[in-house]
Amino acid sequence: MKKIYELIVCVIIIPFFLTPVLAIDLENGKTLHDENCLRCHDESKYIRKDRMIKNFQQLHERIKQCELMAELTWFDEEIDDVTAYLNNQFYHFDTEK
């Protein structure tokens, strides 16, 4: 019986520790974006043909720059949330860095 219990633990519980946790919150990203980013510009900036952002890394860096220029005090996770929201809604870049 003990062996069966150990097998169940190995098969069911251990994979949870091996699975990466994705802590991205798109709703939080949208909220932060709408409350802060739209004060300086509208969403047309993201869909224009000659946009300056060409990949996910550039998008992430731009969000960090905007956060500093707007004198916000976002945590890294909030920057990640806004980046993920914009990428999901407008850019659709590969997220591999």
N, C-alpha and C. Protein backbone atom coordinates (compact mmCIF):
# COMPACT_ATOMS: atom_id res chain seq x y z
N MET A 1 0.82 -1.20 0.00
CA MET A 1 0.00 0.00 0.00
C MET A 1 0.86 1.26 0.00
N LYS A 2 1.96 1.22 0.72
CA LYS A 2 2.85 2.38 0.78
C LYS A 2 3.43 2.67 -0.60
N LYS A 3 3.75 1.65 -1.36
CA LYS A 3 4.30 1.83 -2.71
C LYS A 3 3.27 2.49 -3.63
N ILE A 4 2.02 2.11 -3.48
CA ILE A 4 0.97 2.72 -4.31
C ILE A 4 0.85 4.20 -3.97
N TYR A 5 0.88 4.52 -2.69
CA TYR A 5 0.80 5.91 -2.26
C TYR A 5 1.97 6.71 -2.83
N GLU A 6 3.18 6.17 -2.75
CA GLU A 6 4.36 6.84 -3.28
C GLU A 6 4.25 7.05 -4.79
N LEU A 7 3.71 6.07 -5.48
CA LEU A 7 3.53 6.19 -6.93
C LEU A 7 2.53 7.29 -7.25
N ILE A 8 1.45 7.36 -6.50
CA ILE A 8 0.45 8.40 -6.71
C ILE A 8 1.07 9.78 -6.49
N VAL A 9 1.84 9.91 -5.44
CA VAL A 9 2.50 11.18 -5.15
C VAL A 9 3.42 11.57 -6.31
N CYS A 10 4.18 10.61 -6.80
CA CYS A 10 5.12 10.89 -7.90
C CYS A 10 4.40 11.28 -9.18
N VAL A 11 3.33 10.61 -9.49
CA VAL A 11 2.63 10.83 -10.75
C VAL A 11 1.77 12.09 -10.74
N ILE A 12 1.16 12.38 -9.61
CA ILE A 12 0.21 13.49 -9.55
C ILE A 12 0.84 14.78 -9.03
N ILE A 13 1.59 14.73 -8.01
CA ILE A 13 2.06 15.94 -7.35
C ILE A 13 3.36 16.48 -7.93
N ILE A 14 4.31 15.66 -8.21
CA ILE A 14 5.62 16.13 -8.68
C ILE A 14 5.53 16.94 -9.97
N PRO A 15 4.70 16.58 -10.95
CA PRO A 15 4.63 17.43 -12.15
C PRO A 15 4.25 18.88 -11.88
N PHE A 16 3.50 19.14 -10.80
CA PHE A 16 3.16 20.52 -10.46
C PHE A 16 4.40 21.33 -10.14
N PHE A 17 5.39 20.69 -9.55
CA PHE A 17 6.63 21.39 -9.21
C PHE A 17 7.51 21.60 -10.44
N LEU A 18 7.29 20.82 -11.47
CA LEU A 18 8.10 20.92 -12.68
C LEU A 18 7.49 21.83 -13.73
N THR A 19 6.23 22.20 -13.55
CA THR A 19 5.53 23.06 -14.50
C THR A 19 5.83 24.51 -14.18
N PRO A 20 6.31 25.29 -15.16
CA PRO A 20 6.56 26.71 -14.89
C PRO A 20 5.27 27.45 -14.60
N VAL A 21 5.34 28.36 -13.69
CA VAL A 21 4.18 29.16 -13.32
C VAL A 21 4.14 30.40 -14.19
N LEU A 22 3.03 30.60 -14.87
CA LEU A 22 2.84 31.79 -15.69
C LEU A 22 2.02 32.78 -14.88
N ALA A 23 2.66 33.82 -14.45
CA ALA A 23 2.00 34.77 -13.56
C ALA A 23 1.49 36.00 -14.31
N ILE A 24 1.35 35.89 -15.61
CA ILE A 24 0.89 37.03 -16.41
C ILE A 24 -0.61 37.22 -16.19
N ASP A 25 -0.98 38.47 -15.94
CA ASP A 25 -2.37 38.82 -15.69
C ASP A 25 -2.80 39.84 -16.76
N LEU A 26 -3.45 39.35 -17.81
CA LEU A 26 -3.85 40.22 -18.92
C LEU A 26 -4.86 41.28 -18.50
N GLU A 27 -5.76 40.93 -17.59
CA GLU A 27 -6.74 41.92 -17.12
C GLU A 27 -6.05 43.05 -16.38
N ASN A 28 -5.07 42.71 -15.55
CA ASN A 28 -4.31 43.74 -14.86
C ASN A 28 -3.54 44.60 -15.87
N GLY A 29 -2.98 43.95 -16.89
CA GLY A 29 -2.27 44.69 -17.94
C GLY A 29 -3.18 45.67 -18.65
N LYS A 30 -4.40 45.23 -18.94
CA LYS A 30 -5.36 46.13 -19.61
C LYS A 30 -5.73 47.29 -18.69
N THR A 31 -5.97 47.02 -17.44
CA THR A 31 -6.32 48.07 -16.49
C THR A 31 -5.20 49.10 -16.36
N LEU A 32 -3.98 48.61 -16.16
CA LEU A 32 -2.83 49.52 -16.05
C LEU A 32 -2.66 50.34 -17.32
N HIS A 33 -2.80 49.69 -18.47
CA HIS A 33 -2.67 50.36 -19.75
C HIS A 33 -3.73 51.45 -19.89
N ASP A 34 -4.98 51.09 -19.66
CA ASP A 34 -6.07 52.03 -19.86
C ASP A 34 -5.99 53.22 -18.91
N GLU A 35 -5.56 52.97 -17.68
CA GLU A 35 -5.48 54.05 -16.69
C GLU A 35 -4.25 54.93 -16.86
N ASN A 36 -3.20 54.43 -17.50
CA ASN A 36 -1.95 55.17 -17.56
C ASN A 36 -1.48 55.49 -18.98
N CYS A 37 -1.38 54.51 -19.82
CA CYS A 37 -0.80 54.71 -21.16
C CYS A 37 -1.69 55.59 -22.04
N LEU A 38 -2.98 55.45 -21.89
CA LEU A 38 -3.89 56.21 -22.74
C LEU A 38 -3.94 57.69 -22.38
N ARG A 39 -3.28 58.07 -21.30
CA ARG A 39 -3.17 59.50 -20.98
C ARG A 39 -2.26 60.21 -21.97
N CYS A 40 -1.28 59.48 -22.54
CA CYS A 40 -0.30 60.09 -23.45
C CYS A 40 -0.61 59.84 -24.92
N HIS A 41 -1.22 58.73 -25.22
CA HIS A 41 -1.49 58.38 -26.63
C HIS A 41 -2.65 57.42 -26.70
N ASP A 42 -3.23 57.29 -27.89
CA ASP A 42 -4.32 56.35 -28.08
C ASP A 42 -3.78 55.05 -28.69
N GLU A 43 -4.66 54.12 -28.92
CA GLU A 43 -4.25 52.79 -29.39
C GLU A 43 -3.84 52.76 -30.86
N SER A 44 -4.05 53.82 -31.59
CA SER A 44 -3.65 53.84 -33.01
C SER A 44 -2.14 53.68 -33.15
N LYS A 45 -1.41 54.04 -32.14
CA LYS A 45 0.05 53.91 -32.15
C LYS A 45 0.46 52.44 -32.33
N TYR A 46 -0.35 51.52 -31.85
CA TYR A 46 -0.01 50.09 -31.88
C TYR A 46 -0.35 49.43 -33.22
N ILE A 47 -1.23 50.03 -33.98
CA ILE A 47 -1.68 49.36 -35.20
C ILE A 47 -1.24 50.05 -36.48
N ARG A 48 -0.49 51.13 -36.37
CA ARG A 48 -0.04 51.82 -37.58
C ARG A 48 0.97 50.96 -38.34
N LYS A 49 1.04 51.17 -39.64
CA LYS A 49 1.92 50.36 -40.49
C LYS A 49 3.39 50.60 -40.23
N ASP A 50 3.76 51.81 -39.88
CA ASP A 50 5.17 52.15 -39.68
C ASP A 50 5.58 52.13 -38.20
N ARG A 51 4.97 51.23 -37.42
CA ARG A 51 5.29 51.20 -35.99
C ARG A 51 6.75 50.85 -35.75
N MET A 52 7.28 51.39 -34.68
CA MET A 52 8.70 51.25 -34.37
C MET A 52 9.04 49.94 -33.68
N ILE A 53 8.12 49.33 -33.01
CA ILE A 53 8.35 48.10 -32.26
C ILE A 53 8.29 46.92 -33.21
N LYS A 54 9.38 46.14 -33.24
CA LYS A 54 9.49 45.04 -34.21
C LYS A 54 9.51 43.65 -33.59
N ASN A 55 9.67 43.55 -32.26
CA ASN A 55 9.68 42.23 -31.61
C ASN A 55 9.28 42.37 -30.14
N PHE A 56 9.11 41.25 -29.48
CA PHE A 56 8.63 41.24 -28.11
C PHE A 56 9.60 41.95 -27.17
N GLN A 57 10.87 41.74 -27.34
CA GLN A 57 11.87 42.37 -26.48
C GLN A 57 11.80 43.90 -26.59
N GLN A 58 11.66 44.41 -27.81
CA GLN A 58 11.53 45.85 -28.00
C GLN A 58 10.26 46.38 -27.34
N LEU A 59 9.19 45.62 -27.43
CA LEU A 59 7.94 46.01 -26.79
C LEU A 59 8.13 46.10 -25.28
N HIS A 60 8.76 45.10 -24.71
CA HIS A 60 9.00 45.08 -23.26
C HIS A 60 9.86 46.27 -22.84
N GLU A 61 10.90 46.55 -23.61
CA GLU A 61 11.77 47.70 -23.30
C GLU A 61 11.02 49.01 -23.42
N ARG A 62 10.14 49.13 -24.41
CA ARG A 62 9.36 50.35 -24.59
C ARG A 62 8.43 50.58 -23.41
N ILE A 63 7.81 49.51 -22.92
CA ILE A 63 6.93 49.65 -21.76
C ILE A 63 7.73 50.13 -20.56
N LYS A 64 8.93 49.60 -20.37
CA LYS A 64 9.77 50.05 -19.25
C LYS A 64 10.13 51.53 -19.41
N GLN A 65 10.44 51.96 -20.62
CA GLN A 65 10.76 53.37 -20.86
C GLN A 65 9.56 54.26 -20.59
N CYS A 66 8.41 53.86 -21.05
CA CYS A 66 7.19 54.65 -20.84
C CYS A 66 6.86 54.73 -19.36
N GLU A 67 7.05 53.63 -18.65
CA GLU A 67 6.78 53.61 -17.21
C GLU A 67 7.66 54.63 -16.50
N LEU A 68 8.92 54.74 -16.91
CA LEU A 68 9.82 55.72 -16.32
C LEU A 68 9.44 57.15 -16.70
N MET A 69 9.16 57.37 -17.98
CA MET A 69 8.80 58.71 -18.45
C MET A 69 7.51 59.22 -17.81
N ALA A 70 6.58 58.31 -17.57
CA ALA A 70 5.31 58.70 -16.95
C ALA A 70 5.41 58.76 -15.43
N GLU A 71 6.60 58.50 -14.93
CA GLU A 71 6.87 58.54 -13.49
C GLU A 71 5.93 57.63 -12.71
N LEU A 72 5.71 56.44 -13.26
CA LEU A 72 4.93 55.42 -12.57
C LEU A 72 5.88 54.61 -11.70
N THR A 73 5.35 53.86 -10.80
CA THR A 73 6.18 53.02 -9.95
C THR A 73 5.69 51.58 -10.02
N TRP A 74 5.70 51.04 -11.23
CA TRP A 74 5.23 49.69 -11.44
C TRP A 74 6.28 48.68 -10.99
N PHE A 75 5.79 47.55 -10.51
CA PHE A 75 6.65 46.40 -10.25
C PHE A 75 6.96 45.74 -11.59
N ASP A 76 8.00 44.92 -11.62
CA ASP A 76 8.36 44.19 -12.84
C ASP A 76 7.18 43.37 -13.36
N GLU A 77 6.41 42.79 -12.45
CA GLU A 77 5.26 41.98 -12.85
C GLU A 77 4.20 42.82 -13.57
N GLU A 78 4.05 44.06 -13.15
CA GLU A 78 3.08 44.94 -13.80
C GLU A 78 3.55 45.34 -15.20
N ILE A 79 4.84 45.56 -15.34
CA ILE A 79 5.41 45.82 -16.67
C ILE A 79 5.18 44.61 -17.56
N ASP A 80 5.40 43.43 -17.01
CA ASP A 80 5.16 42.19 -17.76
C ASP A 80 3.70 42.05 -18.15
N ASP A 81 2.79 42.42 -17.25
CA ASP A 81 1.36 42.32 -17.54
C ASP A 81 0.96 43.26 -18.68
N VAL A 82 1.45 44.49 -18.65
CA VAL A 82 1.12 45.45 -19.71
C VAL A 82 1.73 44.99 -21.03
N THR A 83 2.96 44.51 -20.99
CA THR A 83 3.60 44.00 -22.20
C THR A 83 2.81 42.84 -22.77
N ALA A 84 2.40 41.91 -21.93
CA ALA A 84 1.63 40.75 -22.39
C ALA A 84 0.28 41.19 -22.95
N TYR A 85 -0.37 42.13 -22.29
CA TYR A 85 -1.66 42.63 -22.78
C TYR A 85 -1.51 43.24 -24.18
N LEU A 86 -0.54 44.14 -24.34
CA LEU A 86 -0.35 44.78 -25.65
C LEU A 86 0.02 43.76 -26.71
N ASN A 87 0.86 42.81 -26.35
CA ASN A 87 1.24 41.79 -27.32
C ASN A 87 0.04 40.93 -27.71
N ASN A 88 -0.77 40.58 -26.74
CA ASN A 88 -1.94 39.75 -26.99
C ASN A 88 -2.99 40.48 -27.83
N GLN A 89 -3.17 41.77 -27.58
CA GLN A 89 -4.21 42.54 -28.26
C GLN A 89 -3.78 43.08 -29.62
N PHE A 90 -2.51 43.48 -29.75
CA PHE A 90 -2.12 44.24 -30.93
C PHE A 90 -0.93 43.66 -31.71
N TYR A 91 0.10 43.24 -31.02
CA TYR A 91 1.36 42.94 -31.70
C TYR A 91 1.50 41.49 -32.15
N HIS A 92 1.15 40.56 -31.31
CA HIS A 92 1.19 39.13 -31.63
C HIS A 92 2.61 38.63 -31.95
N PHE A 93 3.61 39.15 -31.21
CA PHE A 93 4.99 38.71 -31.38
C PHE A 93 5.19 37.36 -30.71
N ASP A 94 6.19 36.64 -31.20
CA ASP A 94 6.65 35.43 -30.52
C ASP A 94 7.26 35.89 -29.20
N THR A 95 6.91 35.27 -28.10
CA THR A 95 7.38 35.71 -26.80
C THR A 95 8.72 35.12 -26.41
N GLU A 96 9.28 34.26 -27.22
CA GLU A 96 10.61 33.72 -26.92
C GLU A 96 11.63 34.82 -27.04
N LYS A 97 12.48 34.94 -26.02
CA LYS A 97 13.47 36.01 -26.02
C LYS A 97 14.79 35.53 -26.57
